[in-house]
Amino acid sequence: MKTIVDKQPVMERVFDRLDKMSMNKTLLSEYEIRKRAAMDEKARLDYSFDKGIEKGIEKGIEKGVEKEKLETAKLMLKDGLDVKVIMKYTGLSKEEILKIE
C-alpha cells in the first residue's frame, strides 16, 4: 500500500478516507481531534519558525548597518574629520567614535 501512495499521492487521501469510513463514531471523533491538534501544532511551529527567521534577519541587518557606520567613522577619522562631523553623518555617539581611535 505504501508503494501505491508514493506513486499516486491522491491515493493517500483515498486511504485516509477509507480509514475514516471504517471507524465507529467514537474512533472517528478521536481521530479528528488528534488530526486537528497535529495541524494546529504544525501551524504554531511554522509561525514560530517564520517569526524567528524574521527576527534573525532584522538583527543581521542591524548589525550590518552598525558595522558600516563604524567603518565609515574609521575612514572619516583617518581623513582627519572632526568628531562632531562624524557624529552628524554616522549617527554614532562621541564615545563610540572615540573607541575607534
PDB file of N, CA and C in Angstrom:
ATOM      1  N   MET A   1       0.814  -1.185   0.000  1.00  0.00           N
ATOM      2  CA  MET A   1       0.000   0.000   0.000  1.00  0.00           C
ATOM      3  C   MET A   1       0.864   1.258   0.000  1.00  0.00           C
ATOM      4  N   LYS A   2       1.978   1.229   0.721  1.00  0.00           N
ATOM      5  CA  LYS A   2       2.881   2.380   0.789  1.00  0.00           C
ATOM      6  C   LYS A   2       3.383   2.743  -0.609  1.00  0.00           C
ATOM      7  N   THR A   3       3.666   1.745  -1.426  1.00  0.00           N
ATOM      8  CA  THR A   3       4.158   1.984  -2.776  1.00  0.00           C
ATOM      9  C   THR A   3       3.116   2.695  -3.620  1.00  0.00           C
ATOM     10  N   ILE A   4       1.873   2.305  -3.476  1.00  0.00           N
ATOM     11  CA  ILE A   4       0.792   2.942  -4.236  1.00  0.00           C
ATOM     12  C   ILE A   4       0.687   4.418  -3.847  1.00  0.00           C
ATOM     13  N   VAL A   5       0.775   4.689  -2.535  1.00  0.00           N
ATOM     14  CA  VAL A   5       0.676   6.068  -2.049  1.00  0.00           C
ATOM     15  C   VAL A   5       1.846   6.884  -2.569  1.00  0.00           C
ATOM     16  N   ASP A   6       3.041   6.297  -2.580  1.00  0.00           N
ATOM     17  CA  ASP A   6       4.225   7.004  -3.079  1.00  0.00           C
ATOM     18  C   ASP A   6       4.088   7.344  -4.561  1.00  0.00           C
ATOM     19  N   LYS A   7       3.537   6.416  -5.337  1.00  0.00           N
ATOM     20  CA  LYS A   7       3.430   6.637  -6.777  1.00  0.00           C
ATOM     21  C   LYS A   7       2.233   7.524  -7.143  1.00  0.00           C
ATOM     22  N   GLN A   8       1.185   7.453  -6.345  1.00  0.00           N
ATOM     23  CA  GLN A   8      -0.037   8.208  -6.614  1.00  0.00           C
ATOM     24  C   GLN A   8      -0.436   8.982  -5.349  1.00  0.00           C
ATOM     25  N   PRO A   9       0.049  10.216  -5.191  1.00  0.00           N
ATOM     26  CA  PRO A   9      -0.249  10.987  -3.984  1.00  0.00           C
ATOM     27  C   PRO A   9      -1.747  11.110  -3.671  1.00  0.00           C
ATOM     28  N   VAL A  10      -2.583  11.097  -4.702  1.00  0.00           N
ATOM     29  CA  VAL A  10      -4.025  11.190  -4.473  1.00  0.00           C
ATOM     30  C   VAL A  10      -4.531   9.966  -3.707  1.00  0.00           C
ATOM     31  N   MET A  11      -3.817   8.868  -3.818  1.00  0.00           N
ATOM     32  CA  MET A  11      -4.223   7.647  -3.126  1.00  0.00           C
ATOM     33  C   MET A  11      -4.122   7.796  -1.607  1.00  0.00           C
ATOM     34  N   GLU A  12      -3.252   8.676  -1.142  1.00  0.00           N
ATOM     35  CA  GLU A  12      -3.145   8.913   0.297  1.00  0.00           C
ATOM     36  C   GLU A  12      -4.481   9.421   0.829  1.00  0.00           C
ATOM     37  N   ARG A  13      -5.109  10.304   0.083  1.00  0.00           N
ATOM     38  CA  ARG A  13      -6.425  10.817   0.502  1.00  0.00           C
ATOM     39  C   ARG A  13      -7.473   9.712   0.449  1.00  0.00           C
ATOM     40  N   VAL A  14      -7.368   8.859  -0.543  1.00  0.00           N
ATOM     41  CA  VAL A  14      -8.320   7.747  -0.679  1.00  0.00           C
ATOM     42  C   VAL A  14      -8.205   6.815   0.524  1.00  0.00           C
ATOM     43  N   PHE A  15      -6.976   6.440   0.875  1.00  0.00           N
ATOM     44  CA  PHE A  15      -6.777   5.540   2.012  1.00  0.00           C
ATOM     45  C   PHE A  15      -7.184   6.212   3.321  1.00  0.00           C
ATOM     46  N   ASP A  16      -6.930   7.491   3.438  1.00  0.00           N
ATOM     47  CA  ASP A  16      -7.339   8.237   4.627  1.00  0.00           C
ATOM     48  C   ASP A  16      -8.855   8.217   4.759  1.00  0.00           C
ATOM     49  N   ARG A  17      -9.524   8.452   3.653  1.00  0.00           N
ATOM     50  CA  ARG A  17     -10.996   8.452   3.647  1.00  0.00           C
ATOM     51  C   ARG A  17     -11.531   7.062   3.978  1.00  0.00           C
ATOM     52  N   LEU A  18     -10.914   6.034   3.446  1.00  0.00           N
ATOM     53  CA  LEU A  18     -11.323   4.654   3.716  1.00  0.00           C
ATOM     54  C   LEU A  18     -11.169   4.324   5.201  1.00  0.00           C
ATOM     55  N   ASP A  19     -10.042   4.768   5.778  1.00  0.00           N
ATOM     56  CA  ASP A  19      -9.833   4.552   7.213  1.00  0.00           C
ATOM     57  C   ASP A  19     -10.939   5.221   8.027  1.00  0.00           C
ATOM     58  N   LYS A  20     -11.280   6.456   7.659  1.00  0.00           N
ATOM     59  CA  LYS A  20     -12.329   7.183   8.371  1.00  0.00           C
ATOM     60  C   LYS A  20     -13.668   6.452   8.285  1.00  0.00           C
ATOM     61  N   MET A  21     -13.981   5.963   7.099  1.00  0.00           N
ATOM     62  CA  MET A  21     -15.266   5.306   6.893  1.00  0.00           C
ATOM     63  C   MET A  21     -15.373   4.010   7.691  1.00  0.00           C
ATOM     64  N   SER A  22     -14.255   3.371   7.958  1.00  0.00           N
ATOM     65  CA  SER A  22     -14.287   2.097   8.668  1.00  0.00           C
ATOM     66  C   SER A  22     -14.297   2.272  10.193  1.00  0.00           C
ATOM     67  N   MET A  23     -14.179   3.484  10.677  1.00  0.00           N
ATOM     68  CA  MET A  23     -14.160   3.736  12.118  1.00  0.00           C
ATOM     69  C   MET A  23     -15.581   3.915  12.657  1.00  0.00           C
ATOM     70  N   ASN A  24     -15.744   3.569  13.947  1.00  0.00           N
ATOM     71  CA  ASN A  24     -17.024   3.895  14.569  1.00  0.00           C
ATOM     72  C   ASN A  24     -17.000   5.368  14.963  1.00  0.00           C
ATOM     73  N   LYS A  25     -18.095   5.904  15.442  1.00  0.00           N
ATOM     74  CA  LYS A  25     -18.198   7.336  15.710  1.00  0.00           C
ATOM     75  C   LYS A  25     -17.201   7.796  16.768  1.00  0.00           C
ATOM     76  N   THR A  26     -16.955   6.998  17.786  1.00  0.00           N
ATOM     77  CA  THR A  26     -16.015   7.379  18.838  1.00  0.00           C
ATOM     78  C   THR A  26     -14.600   7.448  18.286  1.00  0.00           C
ATOM     79  N   LEU A  27     -14.188   6.433  17.550  1.00  0.00           N
ATOM     80  CA  LEU A  27     -12.854   6.432  16.967  1.00  0.00           C
ATOM     81  C   LEU A  27     -12.689   7.574  15.971  1.00  0.00           C
ATOM     82  N   LEU A  28     -13.722   7.808  15.178  1.00  0.00           N
ATOM     83  CA  LEU A  28     -13.666   8.878  14.192  1.00  0.00           C
ATOM     84  C   LEU A  28     -13.521  10.238  14.880  1.00  0.00           C
ATOM     85  N   SER A  29     -14.262  10.443  15.950  1.00  0.00           N
ATOM     86  CA  SER A  29     -14.173  11.695  16.699  1.00  0.00           C
ATOM     87  C   SER A  29     -12.770  11.880  17.281  1.00  0.00           C
ATOM     88  N   GLU A  30     -12.220  10.825  17.861  1.00  0.00           N
ATOM     89  CA  GLU A  30     -10.859  10.898  18.416  1.00  0.00           C
ATOM     90  C   GLU A  30      -9.840  11.167  17.317  1.00  0.00           C
ATOM     91  N   TYR A  31     -10.032  10.524  16.177  1.00  0.00           N
ATOM     92  CA  TYR A  31      -9.135  10.722  15.036  1.00  0.00           C
ATOM     93  C   TYR A  31      -9.147  12.184  14.589  1.00  0.00           C
ATOM     94  N   GLU A  32     -10.345  12.750  14.465  1.00  0.00           N
ATOM     95  CA  GLU A  32     -10.473  14.141  14.028  1.00  0.00           C
ATOM     96  C   GLU A  32      -9.823  15.092  15.033  1.00  0.00           C
ATOM     97  N   ILE A  33     -10.006  14.814  16.316  1.00  0.00           N
ATOM     98  CA  ILE A  33      -9.402  15.658  17.357  1.00  0.00           C
ATOM     99  C   ILE A  33      -7.883  15.600  17.268  1.00  0.00           C
ATOM    100  N   ARG A  34      -7.323  14.397  17.122  1.00  0.00           N
ATOM    101  CA  ARG A  34      -5.858  14.251  17.002  1.00  0.00           C
ATOM    102  C   ARG A  34      -5.341  14.930  15.738  1.00  0.00           C
ATOM    103  N   LYS A  35      -6.084  14.768  14.657  1.00  0.00           N
ATOM    104  CA  LYS A  35      -5.664  15.368  13.392  1.00  0.00           C
ATOM    105  C   LYS A  35      -5.662  16.901  13.500  1.00  0.00           C
ATOM    106  N   ARG A  36      -6.713  17.471  14.103  1.00  0.00           N
ATOM    107  CA  ARG A  36      -6.763  18.924  14.286  1.00  0.00           C
ATOM    108  C   ARG A  36      -5.628  19.408  15.182  1.00  0.00           C
ATOM    109  N   ALA A  37      -5.366  18.649  16.256  1.00  0.00           N
ATOM    110  CA  ALA A  37      -4.288  19.032  17.180  1.00  0.00           C
ATOM    111  C   ALA A  37      -2.939  19.014  16.454  1.00  0.00           C
ATOM    112  N   ALA A  38      -2.734  18.006  15.612  1.00  0.00           N
ATOM    113  CA  ALA A  38      -1.477  17.912  14.858  1.00  0.00           C
ATOM    114  C   ALA A  38      -1.352  19.078  13.876  1.00  0.00           C
ATOM    115  N   MET A  39      -2.441  19.434  13.230  1.00  0.00           N
ATOM    116  CA  MET A  39      -2.411  20.555  12.285  1.00  0.00           C
ATOM    117  C   MET A  39      -2.175  21.879  13.015  1.00  0.00           C
ATOM    118  N   ASP A  40      -2.798  22.037  14.182  1.00  0.00           N
ATOM    119  CA  ASP A  40      -2.588  23.248  14.980  1.00  0.00           C
ATOM    120  C   ASP A  40      -1.134  23.366  15.417  1.00  0.00           C
ATOM    121  N   GLU A  41      -0.563  22.255  15.863  1.00  0.00           N
ATOM    122  CA  GLU A  41       0.839  22.261  16.304  1.00  0.00           C
ATOM    123  C   GLU A  41       1.769  22.589  15.147  1.00  0.00           C
ATOM    124  N   LYS A  42       1.496  22.019  13.982  1.00  0.00           N
ATOM    125  CA  LYS A  42       2.321  22.318  12.811  1.00  0.00           C
ATOM    126  C   LYS A  42       2.226  23.804  12.452  1.00  0.00           C
ATOM    127  N   ALA A  43       1.025  24.356  12.484  1.00  0.00           N
ATOM    128  CA  ALA A  43       0.845  25.775  12.171  1.00  0.00           C
ATOM    129  C   ALA A  43       1.584  26.645  13.193  1.00  0.00           C
ATOM    130  N   ARG A  44       1.497  26.258  14.467  1.00  0.00           N
ATOM    131  CA  ARG A  44       2.186  27.025  15.517  1.00  0.00           C
ATOM    132  C   ARG A  44       3.691  26.998  15.303  1.00  0.00           C
ATOM    133  N   LEU A  45       4.226  25.822  14.999  1.00  0.00           N
ATOM    134  CA  LEU A  45       5.666  25.702  14.769  1.00  0.00           C
ATOM    135  C   LEU A  45       6.107  26.474  13.531  1.00  0.00           C
ATOM    136  N   ASP A  46       5.323  26.383  12.466  1.00  0.00           N
ATOM    137  CA  ASP A  46       5.643  27.125  11.242  1.00  0.00           C
ATOM    138  C   ASP A  46       5.656  28.622  11.513  1.00  0.00           C
ATOM    139  N   TYR A  47       4.655  29.096  12.254  1.00  0.00           N
ATOM    140  CA  TYR A  47       4.561  30.521  12.574  1.00  0.00           C
ATOM    141  C   TYR A  47       5.754  30.953  13.421  1.00  0.00           C
ATOM    142  N   SER A  48       6.073  30.162  14.442  1.00  0.00           N
ATOM    143  CA  SER A  48       7.208  30.490  15.313  1.00  0.00           C
ATOM    144  C   SER A  48       8.504  30.503  14.530  1.00  0.00           C
ATOM    145  N   PHE A  49       8.679  29.520  13.645  1.00  0.00           N
ATOM    146  CA  PHE A  49       9.883  29.430  12.833  1.00  0.00           C
ATOM    147  C   PHE A  49      10.017  30.651  11.936  1.00  0.00           C
ATOM    148  N   ASP A  50       8.912  31.022  11.275  1.00  0.00           N
ATOM    149  CA  ASP A  50       8.928  32.191  10.392  1.00  0.00           C
ATOM    150  C   ASP A  50       9.261  33.459  11.163  1.00  0.00           C
ATOM    151  N   LYS A  51       8.672  33.623  12.348  1.00  0.00           N
ATOM    152  CA  LYS A  51       8.948  34.810  13.164  1.00  0.00           C
ATOM    153  C   LYS A  51      10.403  34.819  13.605  1.00  0.00           C
ATOM    154  N   GLY A  52      10.945  33.646  13.924  1.00  0.00           N
ATOM    155  CA  GLY A  52      12.350  33.551  14.321  1.00  0.00           C
ATOM    156  C   GLY A  52      13.284  33.961  13.197  1.00  0.00           C
ATOM    157  N   ILE A  53      12.954  33.539  11.998  1.00  0.00           N
ATOM    158  CA  ILE A  53      13.758  33.910  10.824  1.00  0.00           C
ATOM    159  C   ILE A  53      13.701  35.416  10.608  1.00  0.00           C
ATOM    160  N   GLU A  54      12.496  35.986  10.711  1.00  0.00           N
ATOM    161  CA  GLU A  54      12.355  37.432  10.520  1.00  0.00           C
ATOM    162  C   GLU A  54      13.197  38.194  11.531  1.00  0.00           C
ATOM    163  N   LYS A  55      13.140  37.774  12.802  1.00  0.00           N
ATOM    164  CA  LYS A  55      13.928  38.446  13.835  1.00  0.00           C
ATOM    165  C   LYS A  55      15.416  38.301  13.551  1.00  0.00           C
ATOM    166  N   GLY A  56      15.827  37.126  13.110  1.00  0.00           N
ATOM    167  CA  GLY A  56      17.235  36.903  12.790  1.00  0.00           C
ATOM    168  C   GLY A  56      17.706  37.786  11.646  1.00  0.00           C
ATOM    169  N   ILE A  57      16.873  37.918  10.646  1.00  0.00           N
ATOM    170  CA  ILE A  57      17.214  38.770   9.502  1.00  0.00           C
ATOM    171  C   ILE A  57      17.316  40.226   9.949  1.00  0.00           C
ATOM    172  N   GLU A  58      16.349  40.667  10.765  1.00  0.00           N
ATOM    173  CA  GLU A  58      16.376  42.044  11.256  1.00  0.00           C
ATOM    174  C   GLU A  58      17.639  42.308  12.070  1.00  0.00           C
ATOM    175  N   LYS A  59      17.994  41.368  12.943  1.00  0.00           N
ATOM    176  CA  LYS A  59      19.209  41.537  13.753  1.00  0.00           C
ATOM    177  C   LYS A  59      20.443  41.591  12.858  1.00  0.00           C
ATOM    178  N   GLY A  60      20.480  40.745  11.846  1.00  0.00           N
ATOM    179  CA  GLY A  60      21.604  40.737  10.922  1.00  0.00           C
ATOM    180  C   GLY A  60      21.741  42.049  10.173  1.00  0.00           C
ATOM    181  N   ILE A  61      20.624  42.600   9.748  1.00  0.00           N
ATOM    182  CA  ILE A  61      20.643  43.882   9.046  1.00  0.00           C
ATOM    183  C   ILE A  61      21.131  44.977   9.985  1.00  0.00           C
ATOM    184  N   GLU A  62      20.609  44.976  11.217  1.00  0.00           N
ATOM    185  CA  GLU A  62      21.028  45.988  12.192  1.00  0.00           C
ATOM    186  C   GLU A  62      22.538  45.906  12.455  1.00  0.00           C
ATOM    187  N   LYS A  63      23.055  44.682  12.597  1.00  0.00           N
ATOM    188  CA  LYS A  63      24.494  44.510  12.819  1.00  0.00           C
ATOM    189  C   LYS A  63      25.287  45.039  11.633  1.00  0.00           C
ATOM    190  N   GLY A  64      24.804  44.737  10.428  1.00  0.00           N
ATOM    191  CA  GLY A  64      25.485  45.200   9.224  1.00  0.00           C
ATOM    192  C   GLY A  64      25.510  46.712   9.113  1.00  0.00           C
ATOM    193  N   VAL A  65      24.388  47.334   9.450  1.00  0.00           N
ATOM    194  CA  VAL A  65      24.310  48.801   9.404  1.00  0.00           C
ATOM    195  C   VAL A  65      25.261  49.393  10.436  1.00  0.00           C
ATOM    196  N   GLU A  66      25.275  48.829  11.634  1.00  0.00           N
ATOM    197  CA  GLU A  66      26.155  49.333  12.691  1.00  0.00           C
ATOM    198  C   GLU A  66      27.627  49.174  12.297  1.00  0.00           C
ATOM    199  N   LYS A  67      27.958  48.031  11.704  1.00  0.00           N
ATOM    200  CA  LYS A  67      29.337  47.795  11.266  1.00  0.00           C
ATOM    201  C   LYS A  67      29.738  48.813  10.198  1.00  0.00           C
ATOM    202  N   GLU A  68      28.827  49.090   9.272  1.00  0.00           N
ATOM    203  CA  GLU A  68      29.100  50.061   8.210  1.00  0.00           C
ATOM    204  C   GLU A  68      29.321  51.453   8.787  1.00  0.00           C
ATOM    205  N   LYS A  69      28.531  51.820   9.788  1.00  0.00           N
ATOM    206  CA  LYS A  69      28.709  53.129  10.439  1.00  0.00           C
ATOM    207  C   LYS A  69      30.100  53.223  11.063  1.00  0.00           C
ATOM    208  N   LEU A  70      30.521  52.160  11.737  1.00  0.00           N
ATOM    209  CA  LEU A  70      31.833  52.164  12.380  1.00  0.00           C
ATOM    210  C   LEU A  70      32.962  52.245  11.350  1.00  0.00           C
ATOM    211  N   GLU A  71      32.803  51.527  10.254  1.00  0.00           N
ATOM    212  CA  GLU A  71      33.810  51.564   9.195  1.00  0.00           C
ATOM    213  C   GLU A  71      33.890  52.964   8.570  1.00  0.00           C
ATOM    214  N   THR A  72      32.737  53.569   8.358  1.00  0.00           N
ATOM    215  CA  THR A  72      32.699  54.924   7.803  1.00  0.00           C
ATOM    216  C   THR A  72      33.364  55.904   8.763  1.00  0.00           C
ATOM    217  N   ALA A  73      33.024  55.779  10.046  1.00  0.00           N
ATOM    218  CA  ALA A  73      33.623  56.666  11.054  1.00  0.00           C
ATOM    219  C   ALA A  73      35.138  56.491  11.094  1.00  0.00           C
ATOM    220  N   LYS A  74      35.586  55.241  10.974  1.00  0.00           N
ATOM    221  CA  LYS A  74      37.028  54.964  10.986  1.00  0.00           C
ATOM    222  C   LYS A  74      37.721  55.676   9.823  1.00  0.00           C
ATOM    223  N   LEU A  75      37.121  55.614   8.645  1.00  0.00           N
ATOM    224  CA  LEU A  75      37.692  56.286   7.470  1.00  0.00           C
ATOM    225  C   LEU A  75      37.666  57.804   7.637  1.00  0.00           C
ATOM    226  N   MET A  76      36.588  58.307   8.217  1.00  0.00           N
ATOM    227  CA  MET A  76      36.476  59.749   8.418  1.00  0.00           C
ATOM    228  C   MET A  76      37.525  60.244   9.415  1.00  0.00           C
ATOM    229  N   LEU A  77      37.745  59.457  10.459  1.00  0.00           N
ATOM    230  CA  LEU A  77      38.795  59.810  11.426  1.00  0.00           C
ATOM    231  C   LEU A  77      40.164  59.803  10.753  1.00  0.00           C
ATOM    232  N   LYS A  78      40.378  58.782   9.927  1.00  0.00           N
ATOM    233  CA  LYS A  78      41.655  58.646   9.226  1.00  0.00           C
ATOM    234  C   LYS A  78      41.902  59.861   8.323  1.00  0.00           C
ATOM    235  N   ASP A  79      40.819  60.405   7.750  1.00  0.00           N
ATOM    236  CA  ASP A  79      40.941  61.582   6.894  1.00  0.00           C
ATOM    237  C   ASP A  79      40.998  62.880   7.688  1.00  0.00           C
ATOM    238  N   GLY A  80      40.947  62.782   9.017  1.00  0.00           N
ATOM    239  CA  GLY A  80      41.096  63.956   9.864  1.00  0.00           C
ATOM    240  C   GLY A  80      39.841  64.772  10.106  1.00  0.00           C
ATOM    241  N   LEU A  81      38.678  64.209   9.855  1.00  0.00           N
ATOM    242  CA  LEU A  81      37.438  64.944  10.089  1.00  0.00           C
ATOM    243  C   LEU A  81      37.157  65.073  11.582  1.00  0.00           C
ATOM    244  N   ASP A  82      36.480  66.141  11.935  1.00  0.00           N
ATOM    245  CA  ASP A  82      36.144  66.440  13.322  1.00  0.00           C
ATOM    246  C   ASP A  82      35.114  65.422  13.838  1.00  0.00           C
ATOM    247  N   VAL A  83      35.213  65.082  15.124  1.00  0.00           N
ATOM    248  CA  VAL A  83      34.319  64.110  15.747  1.00  0.00           C
ATOM    249  C   VAL A  83      32.855  64.542  15.613  1.00  0.00           C
ATOM    250  N   LYS A  84      32.579  65.841  15.742  1.00  0.00           N
ATOM    251  CA  LYS A  84      31.200  66.337  15.621  1.00  0.00           C
ATOM    252  C   LYS A  84      30.634  66.090  14.224  1.00  0.00           C
ATOM    253  N   VAL A  85      31.475  66.252  13.215  1.00  0.00           N
ATOM    254  CA  VAL A  85      31.048  65.995  11.833  1.00  0.00           C
ATOM    255  C   VAL A  85      30.742  64.501  11.670  1.00  0.00           C
ATOM    256  N   ILE A  86      31.613  63.678  12.220  1.00  0.00           N
ATOM    257  CA  ILE A  86      31.422  62.224  12.132  1.00  0.00           C
ATOM    258  C   ILE A  86      30.126  61.832  12.841  1.00  0.00           C
ATOM    259  N   MET A  87      29.883  62.416  14.011  1.00  0.00           N
ATOM    260  CA  MET A  87      28.650  62.136  14.755  1.00  0.00           C
ATOM    261  C   MET A  87      27.423  62.493  13.914  1.00  0.00           C
ATOM    262  N   LYS A  88      27.500  63.626  13.244  1.00  0.00           N
ATOM    263  CA  LYS A  88      26.384  64.110  12.440  1.00  0.00           C
ATOM    264  C   LYS A  88      26.039  63.141  11.305  1.00  0.00           C
ATOM    265  N   TYR A  89      27.055  62.663  10.610  1.00  0.00           N
ATOM    266  CA  TYR A  89      26.819  61.857   9.425  1.00  0.00           C
ATOM    267  C   TYR A  89      26.696  60.357   9.670  1.00  0.00           C
ATOM    268  N   THR A  90      27.166  59.884  10.810  1.00  0.00           N
ATOM    269  CA  THR A  90      27.050  58.448  11.083  1.00  0.00           C
ATOM    270  C   THR A  90      25.973  58.123  12.108  1.00  0.00           C
ATOM    271  N   GLY A  91      25.625  59.120  12.921  1.00  0.00           N
ATOM    272  CA  GLY A  91      24.648  58.854  13.970  1.00  0.00           C
ATOM    273  C   GLY A  91      25.256  58.179  15.186  1.00  0.00           C
ATOM    274  N   LEU A  92      26.580  58.017  15.180  1.00  0.00           N
ATOM    275  CA  LEU A  92      27.272  57.403  16.315  1.00  0.00           C
ATOM    276  C   LEU A  92      27.475  58.433  17.418  1.00  0.00           C
ATOM    277  N   SER A  93      27.584  57.935  18.638  1.00  0.00           N
ATOM    278  CA  SER A  93      27.857  58.842  19.758  1.00  0.00           C
ATOM    279  C   SER A  93      29.347  59.170  19.800  1.00  0.00           C
ATOM    280  N   LYS A  94      29.674  60.201  20.544  1.00  0.00           N
ATOM    281  CA  LYS A  94      31.069  60.616  20.688  1.00  0.00           C
ATOM    282  C   LYS A  94      31.893  59.472  21.288  1.00  0.00           C
ATOM    283  N   GLU A  95      31.313  58.788  22.276  1.00  0.00           N
ATOM    284  CA  GLU A  95      32.012  57.674  22.933  1.00  0.00           C
ATOM    285  C   GLU A  95      32.309  56.541  21.949  1.00  0.00           C
ATOM    286  N   GLU A  96      31.335  56.228  21.102  1.00  0.00           N
ATOM    287  CA  GLU A  96      31.549  55.170  20.117  1.00  0.00           C
ATOM    288  C   GLU A  96      32.655  55.534  19.148  1.00  0.00           C
ATOM    289  N   ILE A  97      32.689  56.778  18.749  1.00  0.00           N
ATOM    290  CA  ILE A  97      33.711  57.237  17.803  1.00  0.00           C
ATOM    291  C   ILE A  97      35.089  57.234  18.462  1.00  0.00           C
ATOM    292  N   LEU A  98      35.144  57.683  19.710  1.00  0.00           N
ATOM    293  CA  LEU A  98      36.442  57.737  20.405  1.00  0.00           C
ATOM    294  C   LEU A  98      36.998  56.339  20.688  1.00  0.00           C
ATOM    295  N   LYS A  99      36.142  55.335  20.780  1.00  0.00           N
ATOM    296  CA  LYS A  99      36.599  53.951  20.955  1.00  0.00           C
ATOM    297  C   LYS A  99      37.358  53.476  19.715  1.00  0.00           C
ATOM    298  N   ILE A 100      37.003  54.001  18.565  1.00  0.00           N
ATOM    299  CA  ILE A 100      37.627  53.598  17.305  1.00  0.00           C
ATOM    300  C   ILE A 100      39.084  54.067  17.250  1.00  0.00           C
ATOM    301  N   GLU A 101      39.297  55.268  17.770  1.00  0.00           N
ATOM    302  CA  GLU A 101      40.647  55.888  17.675  1.00  0.00           C
ATOM    303  C   GLU A 101      41.720  55.047  18.293  1.00  0.00           C
TER     304      GLU A 101
END
